[in-house]
Amino acid sequence: MSETVKTEVRGRILIVRLEREEKRNAIDVDMAEGIDAALNRLEDDDDLWAGVITGTNSVFCAGTDMRAGVHSTDRGGQYGIIRRYRTKPLIAAVEGAALGGGFEVVLSCDLVVASKTAQFGLPEVKRSLVPICGGLFRAPKALPRNVARELLLTGDSIDVKRAYKLGLANIISSAGEAVDDAVALAERICSNGPVAVRETMRFLASLDAPDEAHGWDETLESEDVIRNAEDTREGVKAFFEKRQPNWSGR
């Protein structure tokens, strides 16, 4: 069992908690494997009909642990969730920052409940990186195109009020209440016919499939360019040295 991913069952709902607060819930190998195991349980247990994924009260997730790199699993892809095929709804309950890979986890979910403290952003460009876990193509689908461009090109974040107004967040919660509100939303789903819910999930996934396949192909091309850039090495080095990068443009 993962030391940094805890689970709780409420009725037919599985709650998955990321608990590595000292690292802002940055995802390392142990956490990715823990997410994978929890979501495998959600998918495989016939008594569970919906899930909620959350962080701690201060932070949802700061993305990849840069010392560990991105870890993928067989069923879930990156972080155990990003490329997972699911037949049961998963709700992101966001307290605090969901940045980089953390926002990409949110974009992998079906619905979003966010507290008044929530922030969403893709700051990779600040380190001469690009989002490689779906953010490049999922952000423009979840947000108006110009807003997605703003996040991707500036690396800045948006707050929960703007996220709700733009349709990214379904519900705004009081601080500390995102999980309870997400469970209440999941209970509304679970009151419906589970076969119909699963079929709806299948149909919606089929609509996204062509765009997803193209998005992953293009992300791989961008990742290859970034991997070989001098600025990428400088950006990562500057991150660990806690200083501003000195860009060369190469």
C-alpha atoms as a PDB file:
ATOM      1  CA  MET A   1       0.000   0.000   0.000  1.00  0.00           C
ATOM      2  CA  SER A   2       1.139   3.555  -0.745  1.00  0.00           C
ATOM      3  CA  GLU A   3       2.232   5.703   2.170  1.00  0.00           C
ATOM      4  CA  THR A   4       0.991   8.854   0.429  1.00  0.00           C
ATOM      5  CA  VAL A   5      -2.391   7.785  -0.984  1.00  0.00           C
ATOM      6  CA  LYS A   6      -5.233   6.956   1.399  1.00  0.00           C
ATOM      7  CA  THR A   7      -8.710   5.710   0.547  1.00  0.00           C
ATOM      8  CA  GLU A   8     -12.094   5.915   2.241  1.00  0.00           C
ATOM      9  CA  VAL A   9     -15.441   4.434   1.232  1.00  0.00           C
ATOM     10  CA  ARG A  10     -18.698   6.299   1.788  1.00  0.00           C
ATOM     11  CA  GLY A  11     -21.587   4.198   0.572  1.00  0.00           C
ATOM     12  CA  ARG A  12     -20.862   3.499  -3.090  1.00  0.00           C
ATOM     13  CA  ILE A  13     -18.238   6.221  -3.383  1.00  0.00           C
ATOM     14  CA  LEU A  14     -14.465   5.766  -3.111  1.00  0.00           C
ATOM     15  CA  ILE A  15     -12.526   8.799  -1.864  1.00  0.00           C
ATOM     16  CA  VAL A  16      -8.855   8.903  -2.890  1.00  0.00           C
ATOM     17  CA  ARG A  17      -6.676  11.294  -0.867  1.00  0.00           C
ATOM     18  CA  LEU A  18      -3.204  12.504  -1.863  1.00  0.00           C
ATOM     19  CA  GLU A  19      -1.269  13.009   1.357  1.00  0.00           C
ATOM     20  CA  ARG A  20       2.259  14.271   0.809  1.00  0.00           C
ATOM     21  CA  GLU A  21       1.701  17.768   2.065  1.00  0.00           C
ATOM     22  CA  GLU A  22       5.344  18.509   2.889  1.00  0.00           C
ATOM     23  CA  LYS A  23       6.014  18.211  -0.872  1.00  0.00           C
ATOM     24  CA  ARG A  24       2.748  19.956  -1.837  1.00  0.00           C
ATOM     25  CA  ASN A  25       1.422  16.552  -2.884  1.00  0.00           C
ATOM     26  CA  ALA A  26       3.928  16.363  -5.733  1.00  0.00           C
ATOM     27  CA  ILE A  27       3.580  12.983  -7.421  1.00  0.00           C
ATOM     28  CA  ASP A  28       6.475  10.540  -7.099  1.00  0.00           C
ATOM     29  CA  VAL A  29       6.565   6.815  -7.888  1.00  0.00           C
ATOM     30  CA  ASP A  30       4.891   5.783  -4.627  1.00  0.00           C
ATOM     31  CA  MET A  31       2.035   8.241  -5.100  1.00  0.00           C
ATOM     32  CA  ALA A  32       1.509   7.286  -8.758  1.00  0.00           C
ATOM     33  CA  GLU A  33       1.348   3.620  -7.807  1.00  0.00           C
ATOM     34  CA  GLY A  34      -1.057   4.470  -4.990  1.00  0.00           C
ATOM     35  CA  ILE A  35      -3.361   6.400  -7.321  1.00  0.00           C
ATOM     36  CA  ASP A  36      -3.239   3.516  -9.767  1.00  0.00           C
ATOM     37  CA  ALA A  37      -4.159   0.951  -7.109  1.00  0.00           C
ATOM     38  CA  ALA A  38      -7.021   3.083  -5.805  1.00  0.00           C
ATOM     39  CA  LEU A  39      -8.507   3.673  -9.244  1.00  0.00           C
ATOM     40  CA  ASN A  40      -8.095   0.006 -10.145  1.00  0.00           C
ATOM     41  CA  ARG A  41     -10.169  -0.737  -7.072  1.00  0.00           C
ATOM     42  CA  LEU A  42     -12.802   1.790  -8.125  1.00  0.00           C
ATOM     43  CA  GLU A  43     -13.072   0.250 -11.580  1.00  0.00           C
ATOM     44  CA  ASP A  44     -13.003  -3.388 -10.480  1.00  0.00           C
ATOM     45  CA  ASP A  45     -15.272  -3.301  -7.414  1.00  0.00           C
ATOM     46  CA  ASP A  46     -18.904  -3.692  -8.478  1.00  0.00           C
ATOM     47  CA  ASP A  47     -20.053  -2.154  -5.198  1.00  0.00           C
ATOM     48  CA  LEU A  48     -18.342   1.161  -6.014  1.00  0.00           C
ATOM     49  CA  TRP A  49     -20.129   3.396  -8.500  1.00  0.00           C
ATOM     50  CA  ALA A  50     -18.223   6.716  -8.368  1.00  0.00           C
ATOM     51  CA  GLY A  51     -15.002   8.212  -7.056  1.00  0.00           C
ATOM     52  CA  VAL A  52     -13.615  11.432  -5.624  1.00  0.00           C
ATOM     53  CA  ILE A  53      -9.935  12.373  -5.779  1.00  0.00           C
ATOM     54  CA  THR A  54      -8.573  15.098  -3.529  1.00  0.00           C
ATOM     55  CA  GLY A  55      -5.452  16.419  -1.841  1.00  0.00           C
ATOM     56  CA  THR A  56      -5.082  18.008   1.576  1.00  0.00           C
ATOM     57  CA  ASN A  57      -6.802  21.118   2.883  1.00  0.00           C
ATOM     58  CA  SER A  58      -3.875  23.316   1.841  1.00  0.00           C
ATOM     59  CA  VAL A  59      -3.025  21.952  -1.610  1.00  0.00           C
ATOM     60  CA  PHE A  60      -4.502  19.643  -4.217  1.00  0.00           C
ATOM     61  CA  CYS A  61      -1.321  18.758  -6.109  1.00  0.00           C
ATOM     62  CA  ALA A  62       1.758  20.602  -7.378  1.00  0.00           C
ATOM     63  CA  GLY A  63       2.338  18.100 -10.184  1.00  0.00           C
ATOM     64  CA  THR A  64       5.403  15.990 -10.834  1.00  0.00           C
ATOM     65  CA  ASP A  65       8.072  15.502  -8.201  1.00  0.00           C
ATOM     66  CA  MET A  66      10.906  16.745 -10.417  1.00  0.00           C
ATOM     67  CA  ARG A  67      13.470  14.579  -8.682  1.00  0.00           C
ATOM     68  CA  ALA A  68      11.428  11.470  -9.476  1.00  0.00           C
ATOM     69  CA  GLY A  69      10.087  12.345 -12.937  1.00  0.00           C
ATOM     70  CA  VAL A  70       6.771  11.224 -14.383  1.00  0.00           C
ATOM     71  CA  HIS A  71       5.886   7.642 -13.472  1.00  0.00           C
ATOM     72  CA  SER A  72       3.374   5.698 -15.586  1.00  0.00           C
ATOM     73  CA  THR A  73       1.372   2.558 -14.838  1.00  0.00           C
ATOM     74  CA  ASP A  74      -0.049  -0.083 -17.159  1.00  0.00           C
ATOM     75  CA  ARG A  75      -3.716   0.742 -16.627  1.00  0.00           C
ATOM     76  CA  GLY A  76      -3.554   4.416 -15.775  1.00  0.00           C
ATOM     77  CA  GLY A  77      -0.710   5.897 -17.762  1.00  0.00           C
ATOM     78  CA  GLN A  78       1.042   8.908 -16.230  1.00  0.00           C
ATOM     79  CA  TYR A  79       0.441   9.228 -12.469  1.00  0.00           C
ATOM     80  CA  GLY A  80      -1.812   6.153 -12.663  1.00  0.00           C
ATOM     81  CA  ILE A  81      -4.703   8.317 -13.900  1.00  0.00           C
ATOM     82  CA  ILE A  82      -3.926  10.481 -16.937  1.00  0.00           C
ATOM     83  CA  ARG A  83      -4.544   7.918 -19.702  1.00  0.00           C
ATOM     84  CA  ARG A  84      -6.921   5.648 -17.824  1.00  0.00           C
ATOM     85  CA  TYR A  85     -10.111   4.402 -19.437  1.00  0.00           C
ATOM     86  CA  ARG A  86     -12.852   4.614 -16.820  1.00  0.00           C
ATOM     87  CA  THR A  87     -16.486   3.518 -16.789  1.00  0.00           C
ATOM     88  CA  LYS A  88     -17.285   5.158 -13.451  1.00  0.00           C
ATOM     89  CA  PRO A  89     -17.392   8.933 -12.859  1.00  0.00           C
ATOM     90  CA  LEU A  90     -14.469  10.536 -11.025  1.00  0.00           C
ATOM     91  CA  ILE A  91     -14.811  13.959  -9.375  1.00  0.00           C
ATOM     92  CA  ALA A  92     -11.867  16.205  -8.487  1.00  0.00           C
ATOM     93  CA  ALA A  93     -12.311  17.893  -5.087  1.00  0.00           C
ATOM     94  CA  VAL A  94      -9.814  20.752  -5.139  1.00  0.00           C
ATOM     95  CA  GLU A  95      -8.536  22.686  -2.125  1.00  0.00           C
ATOM     96  CA  GLY A  96      -5.631  25.061  -2.789  1.00  0.00           C
ATOM     97  CA  ALA A  97      -3.377  24.863  -5.830  1.00  0.00           C
ATOM     98  CA  ALA A  98      -3.748  22.394  -8.676  1.00  0.00           C
ATOM     99  CA  LEU A  99      -0.689  23.217 -10.763  1.00  0.00           C
ATOM    100  CA  GLY A 100       1.107  21.548 -13.652  1.00  0.00           C
ATOM    101  CA  GLY A 101       0.523  17.837 -13.391  1.00  0.00           C
ATOM    102  CA  GLY A 102      -1.913  18.527 -10.575  1.00  0.00           C
ATOM    103  CA  PHE A 103      -4.111  20.491 -12.975  1.00  0.00           C
ATOM    104  CA  GLU A 104      -3.671  17.706 -15.517  1.00  0.00           C
ATOM    105  CA  VAL A 105      -5.068  15.279 -12.923  1.00  0.00           C
ATOM    106  CA  VAL A 106      -8.083  17.594 -12.589  1.00  0.00           C
ATOM    107  CA  LEU A 107      -8.460  17.665 -16.377  1.00  0.00           C
ATOM    108  CA  SER A 108      -8.515  13.853 -16.334  1.00  0.00           C
ATOM    109  CA  CYS A 109     -11.609  13.851 -14.114  1.00  0.00           C
ATOM    110  CA  ASP A 110     -15.239  14.121 -15.179  1.00  0.00           C
ATOM    111  CA  LEU A 111     -16.433  16.856 -12.810  1.00  0.00           C
ATOM    112  CA  VAL A 112     -14.732  19.453 -10.599  1.00  0.00           C
ATOM    113  CA  VAL A 113     -15.692  20.722  -7.150  1.00  0.00           C
ATOM    114  CA  ALA A 114     -13.362  23.493  -6.021  1.00  0.00           C
ATOM    115  CA  SER A 115     -13.131  25.413  -2.790  1.00  0.00           C
ATOM    116  CA  LYS A 116     -12.703  29.168  -2.568  1.00  0.00           C
ATOM    117  CA  THR A 117      -8.964  28.579  -2.067  1.00  0.00           C
ATOM    118  CA  ALA A 118      -8.511  26.682  -5.349  1.00  0.00           C
ATOM    119  CA  GLN A 119      -6.164  27.809  -8.115  1.00  0.00           C
ATOM    120  CA  PHE A 120      -5.478  26.180 -11.472  1.00  0.00           C
ATOM    121  CA  GLY A 121      -2.420  26.624 -13.655  1.00  0.00           C
ATOM    122  CA  LEU A 122       0.105  25.128 -16.047  1.00  0.00           C
ATOM    123  CA  PRO A 123       3.417  26.770 -15.089  1.00  0.00           C
ATOM    124  CA  GLU A 124       5.678  24.428 -17.083  1.00  0.00           C
ATOM    125  CA  VAL A 125       6.721  27.118 -19.564  1.00  0.00           C
ATOM    126  CA  LYS A 126       8.395  29.008 -16.706  1.00  0.00           C
ATOM    127  CA  ARG A 127      10.969  26.172 -16.663  1.00  0.00           C
ATOM    128  CA  SER A 128      11.139  25.753 -20.460  1.00  0.00           C
ATOM    129  CA  LEU A 129       8.917  22.687 -20.205  1.00  0.00           C
ATOM    130  CA  VAL A 130       5.511  21.858 -21.683  1.00  0.00           C
ATOM    131  CA  PRO A 131       2.662  19.913 -20.079  1.00  0.00           C
ATOM    132  CA  ILE A 132       3.175  16.291 -21.166  1.00  0.00           C
ATOM    133  CA  CYS A 133       0.284  14.744 -19.246  1.00  0.00           C
ATOM    134  CA  GLY A 134      -2.572  15.967 -21.391  1.00  0.00           C
ATOM    135  CA  GLY A 135      -2.607  19.658 -20.510  1.00  0.00           C
ATOM    136  CA  LEU A 136      -1.567  20.840 -23.973  1.00  0.00           C
ATOM    137  CA  PHE A 137      -4.782  19.561 -25.550  1.00  0.00           C
ATOM    138  CA  ARG A 138      -7.156  19.068 -22.617  1.00  0.00           C
ATOM    139  CA  ALA A 139      -6.877  22.650 -21.332  1.00  0.00           C
ATOM    140  CA  PRO A 140      -8.135  24.095 -24.660  1.00  0.00           C
ATOM    141  CA  LYS A 141     -11.090  21.689 -24.471  1.00  0.00           C
ATOM    142  CA  ALA A 142     -11.978  22.484 -20.864  1.00  0.00           C
ATOM    143  CA  LEU A 143     -11.502  26.253 -21.175  1.00  0.00           C
ATOM    144  CA  PRO A 144     -12.096  28.872 -23.865  1.00  0.00           C
ATOM    145  CA  ARG A 145      -9.211  28.689 -26.326  1.00  0.00           C
ATOM    146  CA  ASN A 146      -7.794  32.129 -25.500  1.00  0.00           C
ATOM    147  CA  VAL A 147      -7.844  31.390 -21.760  1.00  0.00           C
ATOM    148  CA  ALA A 148      -6.040  28.104 -22.354  1.00  0.00           C
ATOM    149  CA  ARG A 149      -3.466  29.989 -24.414  1.00  0.00           C
ATOM    150  CA  GLU A 150      -3.030  32.430 -21.538  1.00  0.00           C
ATOM    151  CA  LEU A 151      -2.306  29.642 -19.058  1.00  0.00           C
ATOM    152  CA  LEU A 152      -0.038  27.711 -21.415  1.00  0.00           C
ATOM    153  CA  LEU A 153       1.986  30.715 -22.641  1.00  0.00           C
ATOM    154  CA  THR A 154       2.290  32.763 -19.434  1.00  0.00           C
ATOM    155  CA  GLY A 155       2.395  29.937 -16.900  1.00  0.00           C
ATOM    156  CA  ASP A 156       0.061  31.994 -14.690  1.00  0.00           C
ATOM    157  CA  SER A 157      -2.902  30.623 -12.734  1.00  0.00           C
ATOM    158  CA  ILE A 158      -6.605  31.402 -12.512  1.00  0.00           C
ATOM    159  CA  ASP A 159      -8.623  31.483  -9.302  1.00  0.00           C
ATOM    160  CA  VAL A 160     -11.778  29.529  -8.565  1.00  0.00           C
ATOM    161  CA  LYS A 161     -14.182  32.366  -9.415  1.00  0.00           C
ATOM    162  CA  ARG A 162     -12.783  32.623 -12.913  1.00  0.00           C
ATOM    163  CA  ALA A 163     -12.639  28.821 -13.245  1.00  0.00           C
ATOM    164  CA  TYR A 164     -16.318  28.565 -12.308  1.00  0.00           C
ATOM    165  CA  LYS A 165     -17.365  31.383 -14.612  1.00  0.00           C
ATOM    166  CA  LEU A 166     -15.548  29.696 -17.505  1.00  0.00           C
ATOM    167  CA  GLY A 167     -17.167  26.321 -16.822  1.00  0.00           C
ATOM    168  CA  LEU A 168     -14.123  24.459 -15.516  1.00  0.00           C
ATOM    169  CA  ALA A 169     -15.504  24.059 -11.981  1.00  0.00           C
ATOM    170  CA  ASN A 170     -19.016  22.700 -11.463  1.00  0.00           C
ATOM    171  CA  ILE A 171     -19.369  23.802  -7.843  1.00  0.00           C
ATOM    172  CA  ILE A 172     -17.596  26.336  -5.605  1.00  0.00           C
ATOM    173  CA  SER A 173     -17.298  25.157  -1.999  1.00  0.00           C
ATOM    174  CA  SER A 174     -16.369  26.877   1.220  1.00  0.00           C
ATOM    175  CA  ALA A 175     -12.788  26.252   2.296  1.00  0.00           C
ATOM    176  CA  GLY A 176     -12.402  22.733   3.655  1.00  0.00           C
ATOM    177  CA  GLU A 177     -15.713  21.489   2.257  1.00  0.00           C
ATOM    178  CA  ALA A 178     -14.778  20.421  -1.286  1.00  0.00           C
ATOM    179  CA  VAL A 179     -14.723  16.710  -0.445  1.00  0.00           C
ATOM    180  CA  ASP A 180     -18.122  16.744   1.229  1.00  0.00           C
ATOM    181  CA  ASP A 181     -19.626  18.668  -1.671  1.00  0.00           C
ATOM    182  CA  ALA A 182     -17.974  16.298  -4.153  1.00  0.00           C
ATOM    183  CA  VAL A 183     -19.404  13.297  -2.289  1.00  0.00           C
ATOM    184  CA  ALA A 184     -22.854  14.919  -2.383  1.00  0.00           C
ATOM    185  CA  LEU A 185     -22.470  15.367  -6.153  1.00  0.00           C
ATOM    186  CA  ALA A 186     -21.332  11.740  -6.486  1.00  0.00           C
ATOM    187  CA  GLU A 187     -24.373  10.617  -4.488  1.00  0.00           C
ATOM    188  CA  ARG A 188     -26.612  12.393  -6.994  1.00  0.00           C
ATOM    189  CA  ILE A 189     -24.945  10.371  -9.745  1.00  0.00           C
ATOM    190  CA  CYS A 190     -25.192   7.133  -7.765  1.00  0.00           C
ATOM    191  CA  SER A 191     -28.944   7.602  -7.325  1.00  0.00           C
ATOM    192  CA  ASN A 192     -29.285   6.959 -11.060  1.00  0.00           C
ATOM    193  CA  GLY A 193     -29.127   3.664 -12.920  1.00  0.00           C
ATOM    194  CA  PRO A 194     -25.495   2.481 -12.869  1.00  0.00           C
ATOM    195  CA  VAL A 195     -25.755   0.777 -16.253  1.00  0.00           C
ATOM    196  CA  ALA A 196     -27.002   4.004 -17.821  1.00  0.00           C
ATOM    197  CA  VAL A 197     -24.209   5.973 -16.126  1.00  0.00           C
ATOM    198  CA  ARG A 198     -21.576   3.550 -17.423  1.00  0.00           C
ATOM    199  CA  GLU A 199     -23.012   3.693 -20.944  1.00  0.00           C
ATOM    200  CA  THR A 200     -23.019   7.480 -20.826  1.00  0.00           C
ATOM    201  CA  MET A 201     -19.369   7.407 -19.753  1.00  0.00           C
ATOM    202  CA  ARG A 202     -18.538   5.047 -22.631  1.00  0.00           C
ATOM    203  CA  PHE A 203     -20.299   7.256 -25.166  1.00  0.00           C
ATOM    204  CA  LEU A 204     -18.613  10.452 -23.959  1.00  0.00           C
ATOM    205  CA  ALA A 205     -15.209   8.751 -24.089  1.00  0.00           C
ATOM    206  CA  SER A 206     -15.891   7.687 -27.677  1.00  0.00           C
ATOM    207  CA  LEU A 207     -16.550  11.313 -28.651  1.00  0.00           C
ATOM    208  CA  ASP A 208     -13.172  12.362 -27.243  1.00  0.00           C
ATOM    209  CA  ALA A 209     -11.163   9.429 -28.634  1.00  0.00           C
ATOM    210  CA  PRO A 210     -10.038  10.953 -31.982  1.00  0.00           C
ATOM    211  CA  ASP A 211      -8.937  14.233 -30.379  1.00  0.00           C
ATOM    212  CA  GLU A 212      -7.180  12.357 -27.577  1.00  0.00           C
ATOM    213  CA  ALA A 213      -5.192  10.225 -30.019  1.00  0.00           C
ATOM    214  CA  HIS A 214      -4.119  13.285 -32.014  1.00  0.00           C
ATOM    215  CA  GLY A 215      -3.306  15.177 -28.820  1.00  0.00           C
ATOM    216  CA  TRP A 216      -1.006  12.465 -27.547  1.00  0.00           C
ATOM    217  CA  ASP A 217       0.820  12.249 -30.895  1.00  0.00           C
ATOM    218  CA  GLU A 218       1.440  15.992 -30.914  1.00  0.00           C
ATOM    219  CA  THR A 219       2.431  16.015 -27.228  1.00  0.00           C
ATOM    220  CA  LEU A 220       5.082  13.390 -27.931  1.00  0.00           C
ATOM    221  CA  GLU A 221       6.514  15.559 -30.703  1.00  0.00           C
ATOM    222  CA  SER A 222       6.671  18.570 -28.382  1.00  0.00           C
ATOM    223  CA  GLU A 223       8.234  16.455 -25.643  1.00  0.00           C
ATOM    224  CA  ASP A 224      10.998  15.348 -28.018  1.00  0.00           C
ATOM    225  CA  VAL A 225      11.841  18.970 -28.861  1.00  0.00           C
ATOM    226  CA  ILE A 226      11.864  20.032 -25.213  1.00  0.00           C
ATOM    227  CA  ARG A 227      13.960  17.074 -24.099  1.00  0.00           C
ATOM    228  CA  ASN A 228      16.826  18.141 -26.358  1.00  0.00           C
ATOM    229  CA  ALA A 229      16.709  21.891 -25.676  1.00  0.00           C
ATOM    230  CA  GLU A 230      19.475  23.681 -23.758  1.00  0.00           C
ATOM    231  CA  ASP A 231      16.860  25.882 -22.090  1.00  0.00           C
ATOM    232  CA  THR A 232      15.188  22.807 -20.595  1.00  0.00           C
ATOM    233  CA  ARG A 233      18.359  21.833 -18.780  1.00  0.00           C
ATOM    234  CA  GLU A 234      18.759  25.429 -17.599  1.00  0.00           C
ATOM    235  CA  GLY A 235      15.147  25.662 -16.463  1.00  0.00           C
ATOM    236  CA  VAL A 236      15.311  22.494 -14.394  1.00  0.00           C
ATOM    237  CA  LYS A 237      18.698  23.466 -12.947  1.00  0.00           C
ATOM    238  CA  ALA A 238      17.354  26.884 -11.979  1.00  0.00           C
ATOM    239  CA  PHE A 239      14.356  25.232 -10.303  1.00  0.00           C
ATOM    240  CA  PHE A 240      16.568  23.167  -8.014  1.00  0.00           C
ATOM    241  CA  GLU A 241      18.899  26.099  -7.371  1.00  0.00           C
ATOM    242  CA  LYS A 242      15.910  28.343  -6.564  1.00  0.00           C
ATOM    243  CA  ARG A 243      16.893  31.106  -8.980  1.00  0.00           C
ATOM    244  CA  GLN A 244      15.630  32.735 -12.168  1.00  0.00           C
ATOM    245  CA  PRO A 245      16.683  30.908 -15.358  1.00  0.00           C
ATOM    246  CA  ASN A 246      19.070  32.435 -17.850  1.00  0.00           C
ATOM    247  CA  TRP A 247      17.476  31.619 -21.196  1.00  0.00           C
ATOM    248  CA  SER A 248      19.505  31.151 -24.374  1.00  0.00           C
ATOM    249  CA  GLY A 249      16.613  30.457 -26.751  1.00  0.00           C
ATOM    250  CA  ARG A 250      18.169  27.141 -27.780  1.00  0.00           C
END
